[in-house]
Amino acid sequence: MATLLTRRTRVLLTLTGALLVVTSLAWALTSDQVCTRIRNKINQKWQTTSLKVAVSPYNATETSKGRFSAINVAASSVLIDGIKLTGVKISASDVTLDLNQLVRSNQVVTTKRKTGHFVARVSQSDLNKALTHKKNTIQNLQVVLANGTLTFTGTYKFGLGANLKLEGRLETPDHYKVNFVPTRASVNGIPLPAGPLKIVLQRINPLLDFKKVPLNPRIEKIIISGGLLTMSG
């Protein structure tokens, strides 16, 4: 009986060792391979132009743990949620990626970082192009960006067609989603009731969601001026 248990123990140890070897080999990525995987993941999920990804390693030991000195992503444009972002720059220093997710699921998951920076812009014209694809009860929906506010106009199917006007600002409650928050809402100059307004906002928000963007860029500031929306963090 003891001999049988010994044999079983040896088999289990052998299998465990083999599994550890396979796992370590699966995670034996170079910084160039990590760079390629990040680039491929971005291009697979979003439409980009002039995408550049740079991964700066510490050393082979830290790379095997998924830890890097810096990772930088830049693109002339990125299409997210149907909205074209330009001048996109995302960076993180002393950043650690989940290699298990990267190797097995092709997911870029940041588990730790020391600092992170982010900037992206959306023009009024590009935002209006995206709004034409939003499924809602508002026809001819348009937006004007000026002086820190957004003004939406359109024809709202509330009984008979009526002129809708929404004025407000942008907020990012979780630093990832960008939501429109109205300060004024009217139909034909009459205040829009809370119920219909809630339905309208559900169709509009979120305008953007960066939760699944690599390196987890956090939005700390939104500036609206001269027909341009600039997000940074």
C-alpha atoms as a PDB file:
ATOM      1  CA  MET A   1       0.000   0.000   0.000  1.00  0.00           C
ATOM      2  CA  ALA A   2       2.817   2.364   0.910  1.00  0.00           C
ATOM      3  CA  THR A   3       4.557   1.558  -2.360  1.00  0.00           C
ATOM      4  CA  LEU A   4       1.374   2.325  -4.313  1.00  0.00           C
ATOM      5  CA  LEU A   5       0.997   5.668  -2.539  1.00  0.00           C
ATOM      6  CA  THR A   6       4.626   6.479  -3.247  1.00  0.00           C
ATOM      7  CA  ARG A   7       4.140   5.776  -6.933  1.00  0.00           C
ATOM      8  CA  ARG A   8       1.032   7.924  -7.055  1.00  0.00           C
ATOM      9  CA  THR A   9       2.858  10.723  -5.278  1.00  0.00           C
ATOM     10  CA  ARG A  10       5.689  10.526  -7.808  1.00  0.00           C
ATOM     11  CA  VAL A  11       3.245  10.649 -10.709  1.00  0.00           C
ATOM     12  CA  LEU A  12       1.483  13.665  -9.213  1.00  0.00           C
ATOM     13  CA  LEU A  13       4.765  15.440  -8.638  1.00  0.00           C
ATOM     14  CA  THR A  14       5.860  14.690 -12.191  1.00  0.00           C
ATOM     15  CA  LEU A  15       2.601  16.021 -13.629  1.00  0.00           C
ATOM     16  CA  THR A  16       2.782  19.109 -11.441  1.00  0.00           C
ATOM     17  CA  GLY A  17       6.340  19.767 -12.539  1.00  0.00           C
ATOM     18  CA  ALA A  18       5.406  19.329 -16.179  1.00  0.00           C
ATOM     19  CA  LEU A  19       2.521  21.741 -15.759  1.00  0.00           C
ATOM     20  CA  LEU A  20       4.783  24.328 -14.186  1.00  0.00           C
ATOM     21  CA  VAL A  21       7.253  23.967 -17.041  1.00  0.00           C
ATOM     22  CA  VAL A  22       4.521  24.375 -19.644  1.00  0.00           C
ATOM     23  CA  THR A  23       3.125  27.384 -17.808  1.00  0.00           C
ATOM     24  CA  SER A  24       6.525  29.029 -17.512  1.00  0.00           C
ATOM     25  CA  LEU A  25       7.159  28.440 -21.205  1.00  0.00           C
ATOM     26  CA  ALA A  26       3.779  29.930 -22.074  1.00  0.00           C
ATOM     27  CA  TRP A  27       4.704  33.057 -20.138  1.00  0.00           C
ATOM     28  CA  ALA A  28       8.226  33.275 -21.572  1.00  0.00           C
ATOM     29  CA  LEU A  29       7.417  36.323 -23.688  1.00  0.00           C
ATOM     30  CA  THR A  30       9.855  38.973 -24.808  1.00  0.00           C
ATOM     31  CA  SER A  31       8.993  42.659 -24.613  1.00  0.00           C
ATOM     32  CA  ASP A  32       8.712  42.688 -28.427  1.00  0.00           C
ATOM     33  CA  GLN A  33       6.156  39.876 -28.302  1.00  0.00           C
ATOM     34  CA  VAL A  34       4.166  41.719 -25.636  1.00  0.00           C
ATOM     35  CA  CYS A  35       4.275  44.819 -27.832  1.00  0.00           C
ATOM     36  CA  THR A  36       2.951  42.829 -30.804  1.00  0.00           C
ATOM     37  CA  ARG A  37       0.137  41.292 -28.742  1.00  0.00           C
ATOM     38  CA  ILE A  38      -0.980  44.699 -27.472  1.00  0.00           C
ATOM     39  CA  ARG A  39      -0.920  46.139 -31.001  1.00  0.00           C
ATOM     40  CA  ASN A  40      -2.861  43.184 -32.409  1.00  0.00           C
ATOM     41  CA  LYS A  41      -5.455  43.390 -29.628  1.00  0.00           C
ATOM     42  CA  ILE A  42      -6.049  47.091 -30.267  1.00  0.00           C
ATOM     43  CA  ASN A  43      -6.351  46.611 -34.029  1.00  0.00           C
ATOM     44  CA  GLN A  44      -8.648  43.651 -33.504  1.00  0.00           C
ATOM     45  CA  LYS A  45     -11.071  45.640 -31.358  1.00  0.00           C
ATOM     46  CA  TRP A  46     -10.859  49.171 -32.779  1.00  0.00           C
ATOM     47  CA  GLN A  47     -10.199  50.842 -36.105  1.00  0.00           C
ATOM     48  CA  THR A  48      -6.971  52.848 -35.865  1.00  0.00           C
ATOM     49  CA  THR A  49      -4.617  54.895 -38.014  1.00  0.00           C
ATOM     50  CA  SER A  50      -0.864  55.271 -37.462  1.00  0.00           C
ATOM     51  CA  LEU A  51      -0.916  53.088 -34.356  1.00  0.00           C
ATOM     52  CA  LYS A  52       2.357  52.867 -32.446  1.00  0.00           C
ATOM     53  CA  VAL A  53       3.050  50.702 -29.395  1.00  0.00           C
ATOM     54  CA  ALA A  54       6.325  50.721 -27.432  1.00  0.00           C
ATOM     55  CA  VAL A  55       7.197  48.429 -24.524  1.00  0.00           C
ATOM     56  CA  SER A  56      10.300  49.259 -22.452  1.00  0.00           C
ATOM     57  CA  PRO A  57      11.528  46.338 -20.300  1.00  0.00           C
ATOM     58  CA  TYR A  58      13.474  46.323 -17.047  1.00  0.00           C
ATOM     59  CA  ASN A  59      15.141  42.945 -17.589  1.00  0.00           C
ATOM     60  CA  ALA A  60      14.248  39.367 -18.571  1.00  0.00           C
ATOM     61  CA  THR A  61      13.301  38.434 -15.000  1.00  0.00           C
ATOM     62  CA  GLU A  62      10.817  41.298 -14.632  1.00  0.00           C
ATOM     63  CA  THR A  63       9.470  40.669 -18.142  1.00  0.00           C
ATOM     64  CA  SER A  64       8.678  37.071 -17.168  1.00  0.00           C
ATOM     65  CA  LYS A  65       6.590  38.519 -14.318  1.00  0.00           C
ATOM     66  CA  GLY A  66       4.770  40.870 -16.676  1.00  0.00           C
ATOM     67  CA  ARG A  67       6.451  43.971 -15.219  1.00  0.00           C
ATOM     68  CA  PHE A  68       7.783  46.680 -17.543  1.00  0.00           C
ATOM     69  CA  SER A  69       9.482  50.034 -17.168  1.00  0.00           C
ATOM     70  CA  ALA A  70       6.973  51.742 -19.480  1.00  0.00           C
ATOM     71  CA  ILE A  71       4.348  51.059 -22.113  1.00  0.00           C
ATOM     72  CA  ASN A  72       3.321  53.768 -24.572  1.00  0.00           C
ATOM     73  CA  VAL A  73       0.474  53.711 -27.083  1.00  0.00           C
ATOM     74  CA  ALA A  74      -0.167  56.451 -29.649  1.00  0.00           C
ATOM     75  CA  ALA A  75      -2.422  56.755 -32.690  1.00  0.00           C
ATOM     76  CA  SER A  76      -3.480  59.497 -35.076  1.00  0.00           C
ATOM     77  CA  SER A  77      -7.050  58.264 -34.693  1.00  0.00           C
ATOM     78  CA  VAL A  78      -9.023  55.534 -32.942  1.00  0.00           C
ATOM     79  CA  LEU A  79     -12.696  54.705 -33.502  1.00  0.00           C
ATOM     80  CA  ILE A  80     -14.332  53.838 -30.143  1.00  0.00           C
ATOM     81  CA  ASP A  81     -18.093  53.366 -29.770  1.00  0.00           C
ATOM     82  CA  GLY A  82     -18.476  54.826 -33.255  1.00  0.00           C
ATOM     83  CA  ILE A  83     -16.742  58.068 -32.223  1.00  0.00           C
ATOM     84  CA  LYS A  84     -13.457  59.098 -33.833  1.00  0.00           C
ATOM     85  CA  LEU A  85     -10.779  60.132 -31.341  1.00  0.00           C
ATOM     86  CA  THR A  86      -7.688  61.926 -32.607  1.00  0.00           C
ATOM     87  CA  GLY A  87      -4.235  62.590 -31.144  1.00  0.00           C
ATOM     88  CA  VAL A  88      -4.601  59.601 -28.843  1.00  0.00           C
ATOM     89  CA  LYS A  89      -1.756  59.026 -26.379  1.00  0.00           C
ATOM     90  CA  ILE A  90      -1.787  56.502 -23.523  1.00  0.00           C
ATOM     91  CA  SER A  91       1.201  55.733 -21.324  1.00  0.00           C
ATOM     92  CA  ALA A  92       2.017  53.933 -18.092  1.00  0.00           C
ATOM     93  CA  SER A  93       5.233  53.644 -16.103  1.00  0.00           C
ATOM     94  CA  ASP A  94       6.347  50.768 -13.871  1.00  0.00           C
ATOM     95  CA  VAL A  95       3.384  48.808 -15.205  1.00  0.00           C
ATOM     96  CA  THR A  96       2.519  45.143 -14.623  1.00  0.00           C
ATOM     97  CA  LEU A  97       0.341  43.120 -17.003  1.00  0.00           C
ATOM     98  CA  ASP A  98      -1.487  39.880 -16.281  1.00  0.00           C
ATOM     99  CA  LEU A  99       0.527  37.506 -18.489  1.00  0.00           C
ATOM    100  CA  ASN A 100      -1.923  34.688 -17.910  1.00  0.00           C
ATOM    101  CA  GLN A 101      -4.686  36.807 -19.480  1.00  0.00           C
ATOM    102  CA  LEU A 102      -2.359  38.008 -22.222  1.00  0.00           C
ATOM    103  CA  VAL A 103      -1.182  34.509 -23.221  1.00  0.00           C
ATOM    104  CA  ARG A 104      -4.318  32.460 -22.703  1.00  0.00           C
ATOM    105  CA  SER A 105      -7.098  34.938 -23.483  1.00  0.00           C
ATOM    106  CA  ASN A 106      -5.308  37.609 -25.539  1.00  0.00           C
ATOM    107  CA  GLN A 107      -6.557  40.203 -23.051  1.00  0.00           C
ATOM    108  CA  VAL A 108      -4.458  43.217 -22.046  1.00  0.00           C
ATOM    109  CA  VAL A 109      -5.136  43.515 -18.300  1.00  0.00           C
ATOM    110  CA  THR A 110      -3.195  45.981 -16.157  1.00  0.00           C
ATOM    111  CA  THR A 111      -2.787  44.787 -12.581  1.00  0.00           C
ATOM    112  CA  LYS A 112      -0.504  47.557 -11.341  1.00  0.00           C
ATOM    113  CA  ARG A 113       1.131  50.778 -12.495  1.00  0.00           C
ATOM    114  CA  LYS A 114       2.997  53.646 -10.878  1.00  0.00           C
ATOM    115  CA  THR A 115       1.800  56.471 -13.128  1.00  0.00           C
ATOM    116  CA  GLY A 116      -0.437  56.784 -16.147  1.00  0.00           C
ATOM    117  CA  HIS A 117      -1.132  59.534 -18.674  1.00  0.00           C
ATOM    118  CA  PHE A 118      -3.827  59.908 -21.294  1.00  0.00           C
ATOM    119  CA  VAL A 119      -5.023  62.427 -23.873  1.00  0.00           C
ATOM    120  CA  ALA A 120      -7.549  62.235 -26.726  1.00  0.00           C
ATOM    121  CA  ARG A 121      -9.662  64.704 -28.669  1.00  0.00           C
ATOM    122  CA  VAL A 122     -13.042  64.593 -30.396  1.00  0.00           C
ATOM    123  CA  SER A 123     -14.133  67.236 -32.884  1.00  0.00           C
ATOM    124  CA  GLN A 124     -17.668  68.548 -33.119  1.00  0.00           C
ATOM    125  CA  SER A 125     -17.987  67.252 -36.694  1.00  0.00           C
ATOM    126  CA  ASP A 126     -16.830  63.734 -35.745  1.00  0.00           C
ATOM    127  CA  LEU A 127     -19.175  63.646 -32.759  1.00  0.00           C
ATOM    128  CA  ASN A 128     -22.087  64.628 -34.993  1.00  0.00           C
ATOM    129  CA  LYS A 129     -21.208  61.858 -37.439  1.00  0.00           C
ATOM    130  CA  ALA A 130     -21.351  59.350 -34.582  1.00  0.00           C
ATOM    131  CA  LEU A 131     -24.704  60.682 -33.349  1.00  0.00           C
ATOM    132  CA  THR A 132     -26.341  59.818 -36.676  1.00  0.00           C
ATOM    133  CA  HIS A 133     -25.810  56.138 -35.794  1.00  0.00           C
ATOM    134  CA  LYS A 134     -27.264  56.387 -32.279  1.00  0.00           C
ATOM    135  CA  LYS A 135     -30.565  54.513 -32.064  1.00  0.00           C
ATOM    136  CA  ASN A 136     -33.073  56.828 -30.412  1.00  0.00           C
ATOM    137  CA  THR A 137     -36.334  58.681 -30.905  1.00  0.00           C
ATOM    138  CA  ILE A 138     -34.577  61.917 -31.853  1.00  0.00           C
ATOM    139  CA  GLN A 139     -34.338  62.822 -35.526  1.00  0.00           C
ATOM    140  CA  ASN A 140     -31.587  65.052 -36.934  1.00  0.00           C
ATOM    141  CA  LEU A 141     -29.714  64.967 -33.618  1.00  0.00           C
ATOM    142  CA  GLN A 142     -26.841  67.477 -33.634  1.00  0.00           C
ATOM    143  CA  VAL A 143     -24.469  68.881 -31.031  1.00  0.00           C
ATOM    144  CA  VAL A 144     -22.525  72.105 -30.664  1.00  0.00           C
ATOM    145  CA  LEU A 145     -19.381  72.231 -28.503  1.00  0.00           C
ATOM    146  CA  ALA A 146     -18.579  75.653 -27.067  1.00  0.00           C
ATOM    147  CA  ASN A 147     -17.522  77.399 -23.858  1.00  0.00           C
ATOM    148  CA  GLY A 148     -17.468  74.282 -21.687  1.00  0.00           C
ATOM    149  CA  THR A 149     -20.966  73.134 -22.629  1.00  0.00           C
ATOM    150  CA  LEU A 150     -22.723  70.876 -25.107  1.00  0.00           C
ATOM    151  CA  THR A 151     -25.981  71.803 -26.789  1.00  0.00           C
ATOM    152  CA  PHE A 152     -27.988  69.013 -28.419  1.00  0.00           C
ATOM    153  CA  THR A 153     -30.827  69.819 -30.806  1.00  0.00           C
ATOM    154  CA  GLY A 154     -33.177  67.631 -32.802  1.00  0.00           C
ATOM    155  CA  THR A 155     -36.751  66.623 -33.460  1.00  0.00           C
ATOM    156  CA  TYR A 156     -38.144  64.522 -30.642  1.00  0.00           C
ATOM    157  CA  LYS A 157     -40.980  62.068 -31.330  1.00  0.00           C
ATOM    158  CA  PHE A 158     -42.984  62.957 -28.245  1.00  0.00           C
ATOM    159  CA  GLY A 159     -46.539  62.692 -29.530  1.00  0.00           C
ATOM    160  CA  LEU A 160     -46.211  65.066 -32.468  1.00  0.00           C
ATOM    161  CA  GLY A 161     -42.750  65.982 -33.659  1.00  0.00           C
ATOM    162  CA  ALA A 162     -41.269  68.735 -31.502  1.00  0.00           C
ATOM    163  CA  ASN A 163     -38.033  70.687 -31.323  1.00  0.00           C
ATOM    164  CA  LEU A 164     -35.783  69.295 -28.594  1.00  0.00           C
ATOM    165  CA  LYS A 165     -32.967  71.248 -26.973  1.00  0.00           C
ATOM    166  CA  LEU A 166     -30.588  69.921 -24.342  1.00  0.00           C
ATOM    167  CA  GLU A 167     -27.846  71.998 -22.742  1.00  0.00           C
ATOM    168  CA  GLY A 168     -25.315  70.591 -20.308  1.00  0.00           C
ATOM    169  CA  ARG A 169     -21.856  69.356 -19.495  1.00  0.00           C
ATOM    170  CA  LEU A 170     -19.867  66.122 -19.566  1.00  0.00           C
ATOM    171  CA  GLU A 171     -19.020  64.102 -16.471  1.00  0.00           C
ATOM    172  CA  THR A 172     -17.042  60.932 -15.886  1.00  0.00           C
ATOM    173  CA  PRO A 173     -18.331  59.441 -12.604  1.00  0.00           C
ATOM    174  CA  ASP A 174     -16.003  56.442 -12.693  1.00  0.00           C
ATOM    175  CA  HIS A 175     -13.185  58.092 -14.719  1.00  0.00           C
ATOM    176  CA  TYR A 176     -13.898  55.706 -17.634  1.00  0.00           C
ATOM    177  CA  LYS A 177     -17.402  56.455 -18.917  1.00  0.00           C
ATOM    178  CA  VAL A 178     -18.202  59.868 -20.390  1.00  0.00           C
ATOM    179  CA  ASN A 179     -21.811  60.922 -19.739  1.00  0.00           C
ATOM    180  CA  PHE A 180     -23.819  63.949 -20.812  1.00  0.00           C
ATOM    181  CA  VAL A 181     -25.493  65.670 -17.849  1.00  0.00           C
ATOM    182  CA  PRO A 182     -28.182  68.199 -18.838  1.00  0.00           C
ATOM    183  CA  THR A 183     -28.627  71.523 -17.056  1.00  0.00           C
ATOM    184  CA  ARG A 184     -31.559  72.495 -19.302  1.00  0.00           C
ATOM    185  CA  ALA A 185     -33.945  70.347 -21.328  1.00  0.00           C
ATOM    186  CA  SER A 186     -36.911  71.601 -23.314  1.00  0.00           C
ATOM    187  CA  VAL A 187     -39.325  70.716 -26.113  1.00  0.00           C
ATOM    188  CA  ASN A 188     -40.632  73.695 -28.073  1.00  0.00           C
ATOM    189  CA  GLY A 189     -39.318  75.870 -25.253  1.00  0.00           C
ATOM    190  CA  ILE A 190     -41.250  73.968 -22.573  1.00  0.00           C
ATOM    191  CA  PRO A 191     -39.267  72.036 -19.897  1.00  0.00           C
ATOM    192  CA  LEU A 192     -39.047  68.337 -20.748  1.00  0.00           C
ATOM    193  CA  PRO A 193     -40.595  66.095 -18.031  1.00  0.00           C
ATOM    194  CA  ALA A 194     -38.243  63.869 -16.037  1.00  0.00           C
ATOM    195  CA  GLY A 195     -39.601  60.608 -17.484  1.00  0.00           C
ATOM    196  CA  PRO A 196     -39.048  61.411 -21.187  1.00  0.00           C
ATOM    197  CA  LEU A 197     -35.718  63.108 -20.335  1.00  0.00           C
ATOM    198  CA  LYS A 198     -34.487  59.920 -18.660  1.00  0.00           C
ATOM    199  CA  ILE A 199     -35.322  57.923 -21.785  1.00  0.00           C
ATOM    200  CA  VAL A 200     -33.479  60.427 -24.002  1.00  0.00           C
ATOM    201  CA  LEU A 201     -30.361  60.272 -21.807  1.00  0.00           C
ATOM    202  CA  GLN A 202     -30.399  56.462 -21.823  1.00  0.00           C
ATOM    203  CA  ARG A 203     -30.174  56.636 -25.617  1.00  0.00           C
ATOM    204  CA  ILE A 204     -27.286  59.121 -25.550  1.00  0.00           C
ATOM    205  CA  ASN A 205     -25.144  57.892 -22.621  1.00  0.00           C
ATOM    206  CA  PRO A 206     -22.475  56.860 -22.313  1.00  0.00           C
ATOM    207  CA  LEU A 207     -20.976  58.844 -25.148  1.00  0.00           C
ATOM    208  CA  LEU A 208     -17.700  56.976 -24.575  1.00  0.00           C
ATOM    209  CA  ASP A 209     -16.443  54.146 -22.387  1.00  0.00           C
ATOM    210  CA  PHE A 210     -12.716  53.553 -21.848  1.00  0.00           C
ATOM    211  CA  LYS A 211     -13.078  50.705 -19.348  1.00  0.00           C
ATOM    212  CA  LYS A 212     -11.685  48.049 -21.707  1.00  0.00           C
ATOM    213  CA  VAL A 213      -9.011  50.184 -23.352  1.00  0.00           C
ATOM    214  CA  PRO A 214      -5.472  48.812 -22.702  1.00  0.00           C
ATOM    215  CA  LEU A 215      -3.534  50.366 -19.784  1.00  0.00           C
ATOM    216  CA  ASN A 216      -6.841  51.509 -18.207  1.00  0.00           C
ATOM    217  CA  PRO A 217      -6.609  55.214 -19.125  1.00  0.00           C
ATOM    218  CA  ARG A 218      -8.427  57.316 -16.516  1.00  0.00           C
ATOM    219  CA  ILE A 219     -10.137  60.558 -17.480  1.00  0.00           C
ATOM    220  CA  GLU A 220      -9.413  63.304 -14.970  1.00  0.00           C
ATOM    221  CA  LYS A 221     -10.276  66.397 -17.006  1.00  0.00           C
ATOM    222  CA  ILE A 222     -12.627  67.265 -19.885  1.00  0.00           C
ATOM    223  CA  ILE A 223     -12.277  70.584 -21.714  1.00  0.00           C
ATOM    224  CA  ILE A 224     -14.807  71.796 -24.288  1.00  0.00           C
ATOM    225  CA  SER A 225     -13.774  74.765 -26.400  1.00  0.00           C
ATOM    226  CA  GLY A 226     -13.940  75.927 -30.007  1.00  0.00           C
ATOM    227  CA  GLY A 227     -15.725  72.863 -31.362  1.00  0.00           C
ATOM    228  CA  LEU A 228     -13.273  70.493 -29.737  1.00  0.00           C
ATOM    229  CA  LEU A 229     -13.596  68.108 -26.781  1.00  0.00           C
ATOM    230  CA  THR A 230     -10.296  67.240 -25.065  1.00  0.00           C
ATOM    231  CA  MET A 231     -10.040  64.454 -22.484  1.00  0.00           C
ATOM    232  CA  SER A 232      -6.915  63.978 -20.383  1.00  0.00           C
ATOM    233  CA  GLY A 233      -5.695  62.134 -17.344  1.00  0.00           C
END
